[in-house]
PDB file of N, CA and C in Angstrom:
ATOM      1  N   UNK A   1      40.642 -27.883  22.011  1.00  0.00           N
ATOM      2  CA  UNK A   1      41.959 -28.383  22.113  1.00  0.00           C
ATOM      3  C   UNK A   1      42.494 -28.530  20.689  1.00  0.00           C
ATOM      4  N   UNK A   2      43.768 -28.699  20.659  1.00  0.00           N
ATOM      5  CA  UNK A   2      44.414 -28.815  19.258  1.00  0.00           C
ATOM      6  C   UNK A   2      43.992 -30.072  18.596  1.00  0.00           C
ATOM      7  N   UNK A   3      43.472 -30.987  19.312  1.00  0.00           N
ATOM      8  CA  UNK A   3      43.024 -32.241  18.702  1.00  0.00           C
ATOM      9  C   UNK A   3      41.570 -32.180  18.248  1.00  0.00           C
ATOM     10  N   UNK A   4      40.959 -31.078  18.503  1.00  0.00           N
ATOM     11  CA  UNK A   4      39.603 -30.893  18.056  1.00  0.00           C
ATOM     12  C   UNK A   4      38.536 -31.609  18.793  1.00  0.00           C
ATOM     13  N   UNK A   5      38.866 -32.099  19.973  1.00  0.00           N
ATOM     14  CA  UNK A   5      37.868 -32.913  20.703  1.00  0.00           C
ATOM     15  C   UNK A   5      37.151 -32.130  21.770  1.00  0.00           C
ATOM     16  N   UNK A   6      37.656 -30.956  22.188  1.00  0.00           N
ATOM     17  CA  UNK A   6      37.001 -30.102  23.159  1.00  0.00           C
ATOM     18  C   UNK A   6      37.102 -28.685  22.808  1.00  0.00           C
ATOM     19  N   UNK A   7      36.105 -27.915  23.286  1.00  0.00           N
ATOM     20  CA  UNK A   7      36.171 -26.446  23.078  1.00  0.00           C
ATOM     21  C   UNK A   7      35.700 -25.719  24.353  1.00  0.00           C
ATOM     22  N   UNK A   8      36.086 -24.537  24.561  1.00  0.00           N
ATOM     23  CA  UNK A   8      35.730 -23.807  25.697  1.00  0.00           C
ATOM     24  C   UNK A   8      35.226 -22.404  25.250  1.00  0.00           C
ATOM     25  N   UNK A   9      34.241 -21.934  25.892  1.00  0.00           N
ATOM     26  CA  UNK A   9      33.718 -20.585  25.658  1.00  0.00           C
ATOM     27  C   UNK A   9      33.309 -19.922  26.885  1.00  0.00           C
ATOM     28  N   UNK A  10      33.259 -18.656  26.954  1.00  0.00           N
ATOM     29  CA  UNK A  10      32.883 -17.805  28.118  1.00  0.00           C
ATOM     30  C   UNK A  10      31.461 -17.406  27.951  1.00  0.00           C
ATOM     31  N   UNK A  11      30.588 -17.631  28.917  1.00  0.00           N
ATOM     32  CA  UNK A  11      29.179 -17.224  28.877  1.00  0.00           C
ATOM     33  C   UNK A  11      28.877 -16.229  29.999  1.00  0.00           C
ATOM     34  N   UNK A  12      28.537 -15.027  29.583  1.00  0.00           N
ATOM     35  CA  UNK A  12      28.316 -13.926  30.552  1.00  0.00           C
ATOM     36  C   UNK A  12      26.892 -13.533  30.629  1.00  0.00           C
ATOM     37  N   UNK A  13      26.377 -13.254  31.809  1.00  0.00           N
ATOM     38  CA  UNK A  13      25.115 -12.660  32.123  1.00  0.00           C
ATOM     39  C   UNK A  13      25.248 -11.299  32.685  1.00  0.00           C
ATOM     40  N   UNK A  14      24.697 -10.344  32.122  1.00  0.00           N
ATOM     41  CA  UNK A  14      24.763  -8.907  32.646  1.00  0.00           C
ATOM     42  C   UNK A  14      23.457  -8.432  33.058  1.00  0.00           C
ATOM     43  N   UNK A  15      23.383  -8.066  34.313  1.00  0.00           N
ATOM     44  CA  UNK A  15      22.119  -7.484  34.799  1.00  0.00           C
ATOM     45  C   UNK A  15      22.249  -6.086  35.013  1.00  0.00           C
ATOM     46  N   UNK A  16      21.120  -5.329  34.788  1.00  0.00           N
ATOM     47  CA  UNK A  16      21.050  -3.833  34.927  1.00  0.00           C
ATOM     48  C   UNK A  16      22.150  -3.166  34.095  1.00  0.00           C
ATOM     49  N   UNK A  17      22.291  -3.602  32.864  1.00  0.00           N
ATOM     50  CA  UNK A  17      23.309  -3.034  31.961  1.00  0.00           C
ATOM     51  C   UNK A  17      23.241  -1.534  31.858  1.00  0.00           C
ATOM     52  N   UNK A  18      24.478  -0.923  31.957  1.00  0.00           N
ATOM     53  CA  UNK A  18      24.462   0.514  31.818  1.00  0.00           C
ATOM     54  C   UNK A  18      24.107   1.367  32.987  1.00  0.00           C
ATOM     55  N   UNK A  19      23.824   0.727  34.064  1.00  0.00           N
ATOM     56  CA  UNK A  19      23.400   1.433  35.276  1.00  0.00           C
ATOM     57  C   UNK A  19      24.438   1.214  36.351  1.00  0.00           C
ATOM     58  N   UNK A  20      24.325   2.051  37.443  1.00  0.00           N
ATOM     59  CA  UNK A  20      25.297   1.917  38.594  1.00  0.00           C
ATOM     60  C   UNK A  20      25.181   0.530  39.224  1.00  0.00           C
ATOM     61  N   UNK A  21      24.081  -0.184  39.049  1.00  0.00           N
ATOM     62  CA  UNK A  21      23.921  -1.468  39.652  1.00  0.00           C
ATOM     63  C   UNK A  21      24.293  -2.571  38.706  1.00  0.00           C
ATOM     64  N   UNK A  22      24.944  -2.297  37.575  1.00  0.00           N
ATOM     65  CA  UNK A  22      25.293  -3.296  36.626  1.00  0.00           C
ATOM     66  C   UNK A  22      26.098  -4.403  37.280  1.00  0.00           C
ATOM     67  N   UNK A  23      25.757  -5.709  37.025  1.00  0.00           N
ATOM     68  CA  UNK A  23      26.568  -6.823  37.520  1.00  0.00           C
ATOM     69  C   UNK A  23      26.870  -7.764  36.444  1.00  0.00           C
ATOM     70  N   UNK A  24      27.999  -8.487  36.527  1.00  0.00           N
ATOM     71  CA  UNK A  24      28.403  -9.468  35.402  1.00  0.00           C
ATOM     72  C   UNK A  24      28.675 -10.750  36.256  1.00  0.00           C
ATOM     73  N   UNK A  25      28.158 -11.890  35.570  1.00  0.00           N
ATOM     74  CA  UNK A  25      28.472 -13.208  36.039  1.00  0.00           C
ATOM     75  C   UNK A  25      28.933 -13.922  34.791  1.00  0.00           C
ATOM     76  N   UNK A  26      30.087 -14.433  34.820  1.00  0.00           N
ATOM     77  CA  UNK A  26      30.683 -15.174  33.699  1.00  0.00           C
ATOM     78  C   UNK A  26      31.084 -16.589  34.180  1.00  0.00           C
ATOM     79  N   UNK A  27      30.736 -17.593  33.355  1.00  0.00           N
ATOM     80  CA  UNK A  27      31.268 -18.922  33.533  1.00  0.00           C
ATOM     81  C   UNK A  27      31.911 -19.434  32.271  1.00  0.00           C
ATOM     82  N   UNK A  28      32.961 -20.306  32.477  1.00  0.00           N
ATOM     83  CA  UNK A  28      33.530 -20.914  31.351  1.00  0.00           C
ATOM     84  C   UNK A  28      32.792 -22.280  31.091  1.00  0.00           C
ATOM     85  N   UNK A  29      32.475 -22.537  29.847  1.00  0.00           N
ATOM     86  CA  UNK A  29      31.726 -23.671  29.504  1.00  0.00           C
ATOM     87  C   UNK A  29      32.663 -24.643  28.715  1.00  0.00           C
ATOM     88  N   UNK A  30      32.739 -25.905  29.110  1.00  0.00           N
ATOM     89  CA  UNK A  30      33.433 -26.916  28.433  1.00  0.00           C
ATOM     90  C   UNK A  30      32.584 -27.775  27.526  1.00  0.00           C
ATOM     91  N   UNK A  31      32.980 -27.902  26.278  1.00  0.00           N
ATOM     92  CA  UNK A  31      32.163 -28.569  25.342  1.00  0.00           C
ATOM     93  C   UNK A  31      32.893 -29.875  24.769  1.00  0.00           C
ATOM     94  N   UNK A  32      32.332 -30.998  24.937  1.00  0.00           N
ATOM     95  CA  UNK A  32      32.832 -32.275  24.396  1.00  0.00           C
ATOM     96  C   UNK A  32      32.248 -32.337  22.917  1.00  0.00           C
ATOM     97  N   UNK A  33      33.140 -32.092  22.042  1.00  0.00           N
ATOM     98  CA  UNK A  33      32.702 -32.065  20.604  1.00  0.00           C
ATOM     99  C   UNK A  33      32.308 -33.402  19.940  1.00  0.00           C
ATOM    100  N   UNK A  34      32.729 -34.474  20.564  1.00  0.00           N
ATOM    101  CA  UNK A  34      32.433 -35.797  20.108  1.00  0.00           C
ATOM    102  C   UNK A  34      30.978 -36.176  20.588  1.00  0.00           C
ATOM    103  N   UNK A  35      30.717 -35.950  21.902  1.00  0.00           N
ATOM    104  CA  UNK A  35      29.446 -36.346  22.441  1.00  0.00           C
ATOM    105  C   UNK A  35      28.434 -35.207  22.317  1.00  0.00           C
ATOM    106  N   UNK A  36      28.837 -34.077  21.837  1.00  0.00           N
ATOM    107  CA  UNK A  36      28.012 -32.868  21.652  1.00  0.00           C
ATOM    108  C   UNK A  36      27.323 -32.498  22.937  1.00  0.00           C
ATOM    109  N   UNK A  37      28.130 -32.529  24.068  1.00  0.00           N
ATOM    110  CA  UNK A  37      27.585 -32.110  25.353  1.00  0.00           C
ATOM    111  C   UNK A  37      28.432 -30.985  25.941  1.00  0.00           C
ATOM    112  N   UNK A  38      27.834 -30.154  26.749  1.00  0.00           N
ATOM    113  CA  UNK A  38      28.598 -29.146  27.388  1.00  0.00           C
ATOM    114  C   UNK A  38      28.208 -29.092  28.879  1.00  0.00           C
ATOM    115  N   UNK A  39      29.124 -28.458  29.667  1.00  0.00           N
ATOM    116  CA  UNK A  39      28.945 -28.339  31.104  1.00  0.00           C
ATOM    117  C   UNK A  39      29.777 -27.132  31.590  1.00  0.00           C
ATOM    118  N   UNK A  40      29.254 -26.528  32.708  1.00  0.00           N
ATOM    119  CA  UNK A  40      30.040 -25.452  33.222  1.00  0.00           C
ATOM    120  C   UNK A  40      31.369 -26.016  33.765  1.00  0.00           C
ATOM    121  N   UNK A  41      32.458 -25.207  33.387  1.00  0.00           N
ATOM    122  CA  UNK A  41      33.783 -25.602  33.906  1.00  0.00           C
ATOM    123  C   UNK A  41      34.196 -24.854  35.150  1.00  0.00           C
ATOM    124  N   UNK A  42      33.603 -23.711  35.330  1.00  0.00           N
ATOM    125  CA  UNK A  42      34.008 -22.884  36.568  1.00  0.00           C
ATOM    126  C   UNK A  42      32.754 -22.430  37.261  1.00  0.00           C
ATOM    127  N   UNK A  43      32.970 -21.996  38.534  1.00  0.00           N
ATOM    128  CA  UNK A  43      31.924 -21.347  39.193  1.00  0.00           C
ATOM    129  C   UNK A  43      31.796 -19.833  38.582  1.00  0.00           C
ATOM    130  N   UNK A  44      30.671 -19.240  38.698  1.00  0.00           N
ATOM    131  CA  UNK A  44      30.605 -17.877  38.099  1.00  0.00           C
ATOM    132  C   UNK A  44      31.703 -16.883  38.759  1.00  0.00           C
ATOM    133  N   UNK A  45      32.233 -16.051  37.935  1.00  0.00           N
ATOM    134  CA  UNK A  45      33.057 -14.957  38.326  1.00  0.00           C
ATOM    135  C   UNK A  45      32.488 -13.628  37.960  1.00  0.00           C
ATOM    136  N   UNK A  46      32.846 -12.571  38.568  1.00  0.00           N
ATOM    137  CA  UNK A  46      32.179 -11.222  38.383  1.00  0.00           C
ATOM    138  C   UNK A  46      32.972 -10.327  37.558  1.00  0.00           C
ATOM    139  N   UNK A  47      33.305 -10.749  36.287  1.00  0.00           N
ATOM    140  CA  UNK A  47      34.067  -9.897  35.372  1.00  0.00           C
ATOM    141  C   UNK A  47      33.859 -10.455  33.966  1.00  0.00           C
ATOM    142  N   UNK A  48      34.097  -9.607  32.995  1.00  0.00           N
ATOM    143  CA  UNK A  48      34.128 -10.034  31.577  1.00  0.00           C
ATOM    144  C   UNK A  48      35.552 -10.713  31.431  1.00  0.00           C
ATOM    145  N   UNK A  49      35.635 -11.697  30.506  1.00  0.00           N
ATOM    146  CA  UNK A  49      36.892 -12.301  30.224  1.00  0.00           C
ATOM    147  C   UNK A  49      37.096 -12.373  28.748  1.00  0.00           C
ATOM    148  N   UNK A  50      38.368 -12.490  28.408  1.00  0.00           N
ATOM    149  CA  UNK A  50      38.696 -12.689  26.941  1.00  0.00           C
ATOM    150  C   UNK A  50      39.572 -13.879  26.809  1.00  0.00           C
ATOM    151  N   UNK A  51      38.944 -15.084  26.478  1.00  0.00           N
ATOM    152  CA  UNK A  51      39.721 -16.300  26.303  1.00  0.00           C
ATOM    153  C   UNK A  51      40.723 -16.115  25.151  1.00  0.00           C
ATOM    154  N   UNK A  52      41.926 -16.630  25.353  1.00  0.00           N
ATOM    155  CA  UNK A  52      42.971 -16.390  24.396  1.00  0.00           C
ATOM    156  C   UNK A  52      43.384 -17.706  23.668  1.00  0.00           C
ATOM    157  N   UNK A  53      43.844 -18.696  24.392  1.00  0.00           N
ATOM    158  CA  UNK A  53      44.299 -19.894  23.783  1.00  0.00           C
ATOM    159  C   UNK A  53      44.476 -20.978  24.767  1.00  0.00           C
ATOM    160  N   UNK A  54      44.682 -22.186  24.262  1.00  0.00           N
ATOM    161  CA  UNK A  54      45.012 -23.376  25.077  1.00  0.00           C
ATOM    162  C   UNK A  54      46.349 -23.355  25.522  1.00  0.00           C
ATOM    163  N   UNK A  55      46.714 -23.952  26.633  1.00  0.00           N
ATOM    164  CA  UNK A  55      48.080 -24.158  27.043  1.00  0.00           C
ATOM    165  C   UNK A  55      48.663 -25.231  26.116  1.00  0.00           C
ATOM    166  N   UNK A  56      49.971 -25.372  26.030  1.00  0.00           N
ATOM    167  CA  UNK A  56      50.578 -26.308  25.112  1.00  0.00           C
ATOM    168  C   UNK A  56      50.183 -27.746  25.352  1.00  0.00           C
ATOM    169  N   UNK A  57      49.891 -28.148  26.583  1.00  0.00           N
ATOM    170  CA  UNK A  57      49.534 -29.494  26.908  1.00  0.00           C
ATOM    171  C   UNK A  57      47.995 -29.641  26.927  1.00  0.00           C
ATOM    172  N   UNK A  58      47.230 -28.669  26.508  1.00  0.00           N
ATOM    173  CA  UNK A  58      45.794 -28.688  26.355  1.00  0.00           C
ATOM    174  C   UNK A  58      45.102 -28.942  27.789  1.00  0.00           C
ATOM    175  N   UNK A  59      45.782 -28.613  28.873  1.00  0.00           N
ATOM    176  CA  UNK A  59      45.209 -28.812  30.183  1.00  0.00           C
ATOM    177  C   UNK A  59      44.458 -27.618  30.769  1.00  0.00           C
ATOM    178  N   UNK A  60      44.674 -26.420  29.996  1.00  0.00           N
ATOM    179  CA  UNK A  60      44.125 -25.216  30.594  1.00  0.00           C
ATOM    180  C   UNK A  60      43.817 -24.237  29.472  1.00  0.00           C
ATOM    181  N   UNK A  61      43.119 -23.206  29.812  1.00  0.00           N
ATOM    182  CA  UNK A  61      42.835 -22.123  28.873  1.00  0.00           C
ATOM    183  C   UNK A  61      43.434 -20.825  29.476  1.00  0.00           C
ATOM    184  N   UNK A  62      44.155 -20.023  28.702  1.00  0.00           N
ATOM    185  CA  UNK A  62      44.613 -18.782  29.134  1.00  0.00           C
ATOM    186  C   UNK A  62      43.622 -17.689  28.798  1.00  0.00           C
ATOM    187  N   UNK A  63      43.390 -16.706  29.744  1.00  0.00           N
ATOM    188  CA  UNK A  63      42.441 -15.622  29.349  1.00  0.00           C
ATOM    189  C   UNK A  63      42.874 -14.349  30.075  1.00  0.00           C
ATOM    190  N   UNK A  64      42.360 -13.174  29.629  1.00  0.00           N
ATOM    191  CA  UNK A  64      42.608 -11.909  30.302  1.00  0.00           C
ATOM    192  C   UNK A  64      41.298 -11.429  30.807  1.00  0.00           C
ATOM    193  N   UNK A  65      41.416 -10.476  31.807  1.00  0.00           N
ATOM    194  CA  UNK A  65      40.265  -9.930  32.385  1.00  0.00           C
ATOM    195  C   UNK A  65      40.575  -8.410  32.557  1.00  0.00           C
ATOM    196  N   UNK A  66      39.717  -7.488  32.064  1.00  0.00           N
ATOM    197  CA  UNK A  66      39.940  -6.078  32.189  1.00  0.00           C
ATOM    198  C   UNK A  66      39.765  -5.594  33.625  1.00  0.00           C
ATOM    199  N   UNK A  67      38.903  -6.263  34.315  1.00  0.00           N
ATOM    200  CA  UNK A  67      38.640  -5.749  35.753  1.00  0.00           C
ATOM    201  C   UNK A  67      39.538  -6.408  36.801  1.00  0.00           C
ATOM    202  N   UNK A  68      40.103  -7.580  36.477  1.00  0.00           N
ATOM    203  CA  UNK A  68      41.128  -8.285  37.269  1.00  0.00           C
ATOM    204  C   UNK A  68      42.388  -8.437  36.511  1.00  0.00           C
ATOM    205  N   UNK A  69      43.034  -7.251  36.400  1.00  0.00           N
ATOM    206  CA  UNK A  69      44.267  -7.131  35.501  1.00  0.00           C
ATOM    207  C   UNK A  69      45.091  -8.369  35.498  1.00  0.00           C
ATOM    208  N   UNK A  70      45.637  -8.678  34.310  1.00  0.00           N
ATOM    209  CA  UNK A  70      46.581  -9.731  34.215  1.00  0.00           C
ATOM    210  C   UNK A  70      46.079 -10.887  33.265  1.00  0.00           C
ATOM    211  N   UNK A  71      46.883 -11.905  33.266  1.00  0.00           N
ATOM    212  CA  UNK A  71      46.551 -13.143  32.507  1.00  0.00           C
ATOM    213  C   UNK A  71      46.308 -14.212  33.493  1.00  0.00           C
ATOM    214  N   UNK A  72      45.240 -14.987  33.188  1.00  0.00           N
ATOM    215  CA  UNK A  72      44.814 -15.966  34.067  1.00  0.00           C
ATOM    216  C   UNK A  72      44.779 -17.363  33.342  1.00  0.00           C
ATOM    217  N   UNK A  73      44.709 -18.448  34.174  1.00  0.00           N
ATOM    218  CA  UNK A  73      44.566 -19.702  33.625  1.00  0.00           C
ATOM    219  C   UNK A  73      43.519 -20.498  34.310  1.00  0.00           C
ATOM    220  N   UNK A  74      42.613 -21.143  33.541  1.00  0.00           N
ATOM    221  CA  UNK A  74      41.599 -22.041  34.145  1.00  0.00           C
ATOM    222  C   UNK A  74      41.894 -23.460  33.732  1.00  0.00           C
ATOM    223  N   UNK A  75      41.993 -24.315  34.802  1.00  0.00           N
ATOM    224  CA  UNK A  75      42.321 -25.730  34.593  1.00  0.00           C
ATOM    225  C   UNK A  75      41.118 -26.470  34.062  1.00  0.00           C
ATOM    226  N   UNK A  76      41.319 -27.326  33.110  1.00  0.00           N
ATOM    227  CA  UNK A  76      40.187 -28.240  32.542  1.00  0.00           C
ATOM    228  C   UNK A  76      39.885 -29.326  33.587  1.00  0.00           C
ATOM    229  N   UNK A  77      40.887 -29.716  34.313  1.00  0.00           N
ATOM    230  CA  UNK A  77      40.636 -30.844  35.218  1.00  0.00           C
ATOM    231  C   UNK A  77      39.874 -30.376  36.491  1.00  0.00           C
ATOM    232  N   UNK A  78      40.151 -29.189  37.081  1.00  0.00           N
ATOM    233  CA  UNK A  78      39.557 -28.786  38.363  1.00  0.00           C
ATOM    234  C   UNK A  78      38.728 -27.592  38.276  1.00  0.00           C
ATOM    235  N   UNK A  79      38.753 -26.863  37.135  1.00  0.00           N
ATOM    236  CA  UNK A  79      38.043 -25.573  37.070  1.00  0.00           C
ATOM    237  C   UNK A  79      38.640 -24.420  37.863  1.00  0.00           C
ATOM    238  N   UNK A  80      39.718 -24.608  38.417  1.00  0.00           N
ATOM    239  CA  UNK A  80      40.292 -23.589  39.299  1.00  0.00           C
ATOM    240  C   UNK A  80      40.980 -22.449  38.465  1.00  0.00           C
ATOM    241  N   UNK A  81      40.852 -21.291  38.920  1.00  0.00           N
ATOM    242  CA  UNK A  81      41.492 -20.147  38.356  1.00  0.00           C
ATOM    243  C   UNK A  81      42.836 -19.833  39.010  1.00  0.00           C
ATOM    244  N   UNK A  82      43.728 -19.386  38.135  1.00  0.00           N
ATOM    245  CA  UNK A  82      45.071 -19.086  38.766  1.00  0.00           C
ATOM    246  C   UNK A  82      45.645 -17.950  37.996  1.00  0.00           C
ATOM    247  N   UNK A  83      46.047 -16.832  38.636  1.00  0.00           N
ATOM    248  CA  UNK A  83      46.714 -15.774  37.930  1.00  0.00           C
ATOM    249  C   UNK A  83      48.100 -16.200  37.566  1.00  0.00           C
ATOM    250  N   UNK A  84      48.559 -16.009  36.339  1.00  0.00           N
ATOM    251  CA  UNK A  84      49.885 -16.483  35.876  1.00  0.00           C
ATOM    252  C   UNK A  84      50.706 -15.270  35.447  1.00  0.00           C
ATOM    253  N   UNK A  85      50.272 -14.089  35.287  1.00  0.00           N
ATOM    254  CA  UNK A  85      51.011 -12.895  34.945  1.00  0.00           C
ATOM    255  C   UNK A  85      50.248 -11.686  35.311  1.00  0.00           C
ATOM    256  N   UNK A  86      51.052 -10.602  35.708  1.00  0.00           N
ATOM    257  CA  UNK A  86      50.409  -9.267  35.919  1.00  0.00           C
ATOM    258  C   UNK A  86      50.058  -8.600  34.669  1.00  0.00           C
ATOM    259  N   UNK A  87      50.759  -8.938  33.608  1.00  0.00           N
ATOM    260  CA  UNK A  87      50.555  -8.258  32.295  1.00  0.00           C
ATOM    261  C   UNK A  87      49.495  -9.115  31.504  1.00  0.00           C
ATOM    262  N   UNK A  88      48.936  -8.468  30.469  1.00  0.00           N
ATOM    263  CA  UNK A  88      48.047  -9.148  29.687  1.00  0.00           C
ATOM    264  C   UNK A  88      48.752  -9.838  28.582  1.00  0.00           C
ATOM    265  N   UNK A  89      48.396 -11.172  28.465  1.00  0.00           N
ATOM    266  CA  UNK A  89      48.996 -12.038  27.399  1.00  0.00           C
ATOM    267  C   UNK A  89      48.301 -11.759  26.059  1.00  0.00           C
ATOM    268  N   UNK A  90      49.064 -11.503  25.026  1.00  0.00           N
ATOM    269  CA  UNK A  90      48.427 -11.118  23.790  1.00  0.00           C
ATOM    270  C   UNK A  90      48.503 -12.251  22.767  1.00  0.00           C
ATOM    271  N   UNK A  91      49.345 -13.184  22.969  1.00  0.00           N
ATOM    272  CA  UNK A  91      49.515 -14.343  22.028  1.00  0.00           C
ATOM    273  C   UNK A  91      50.952 -14.834  21.969  1.00  0.00           C
ATOM    274  N   UNK A  92      51.208 -15.815  21.254  1.00  0.00           N
ATOM    275  CA  UNK A  92      52.516 -16.319  21.069  1.00  0.00           C
ATOM    276  C   UNK A  92      53.058 -16.076  19.680  1.00  0.00           C
ATOM    277  N   UNK A  93      54.346 -16.022  19.580  1.00  0.00           N
ATOM    278  CA  UNK A  93      55.025 -15.780  18.351  1.00  0.00           C
ATOM    279  C   UNK A  93      55.323 -17.075  17.588  1.00  0.00           C
ATOM    280  N   UNK A  94      54.830 -17.201  16.384  1.00  0.00           N
ATOM    281  CA  UNK A  94      55.057 -18.449  15.631  1.00  0.00           C
ATOM    282  C   UNK A  94      56.173 -18.209  14.654  1.00  0.00           C
ATOM    283  N   UNK A  95      57.067 -19.116  14.478  1.00  0.00           N
ATOM    284  CA  UNK A  95      58.158 -19.055  13.561  1.00  0.00           C
ATOM    285  C   UNK A  95      57.818 -19.696  12.278  1.00  0.00           C
TER     286      UNK A  95
END
């Protein structure tokens, strides 16, 4: 988060890499930087993801997925995934 108290990263497990049976399981992990603890934020999903940034209120993370086109949001409170745009979000413009 912008306050430096939490971090999120995506952890992927790839089985049978490079074969027709290749499978991907990705979970988002939430890290409490004060307590130095982490926990799974989401149930596993079957795609690679590209975390992008926090929402303005630090309540969610925006990410893209090449296999599930578009921009998605994962809620820190519930761990629920929600598609927020059909296009891939690349970032915000700073003035």
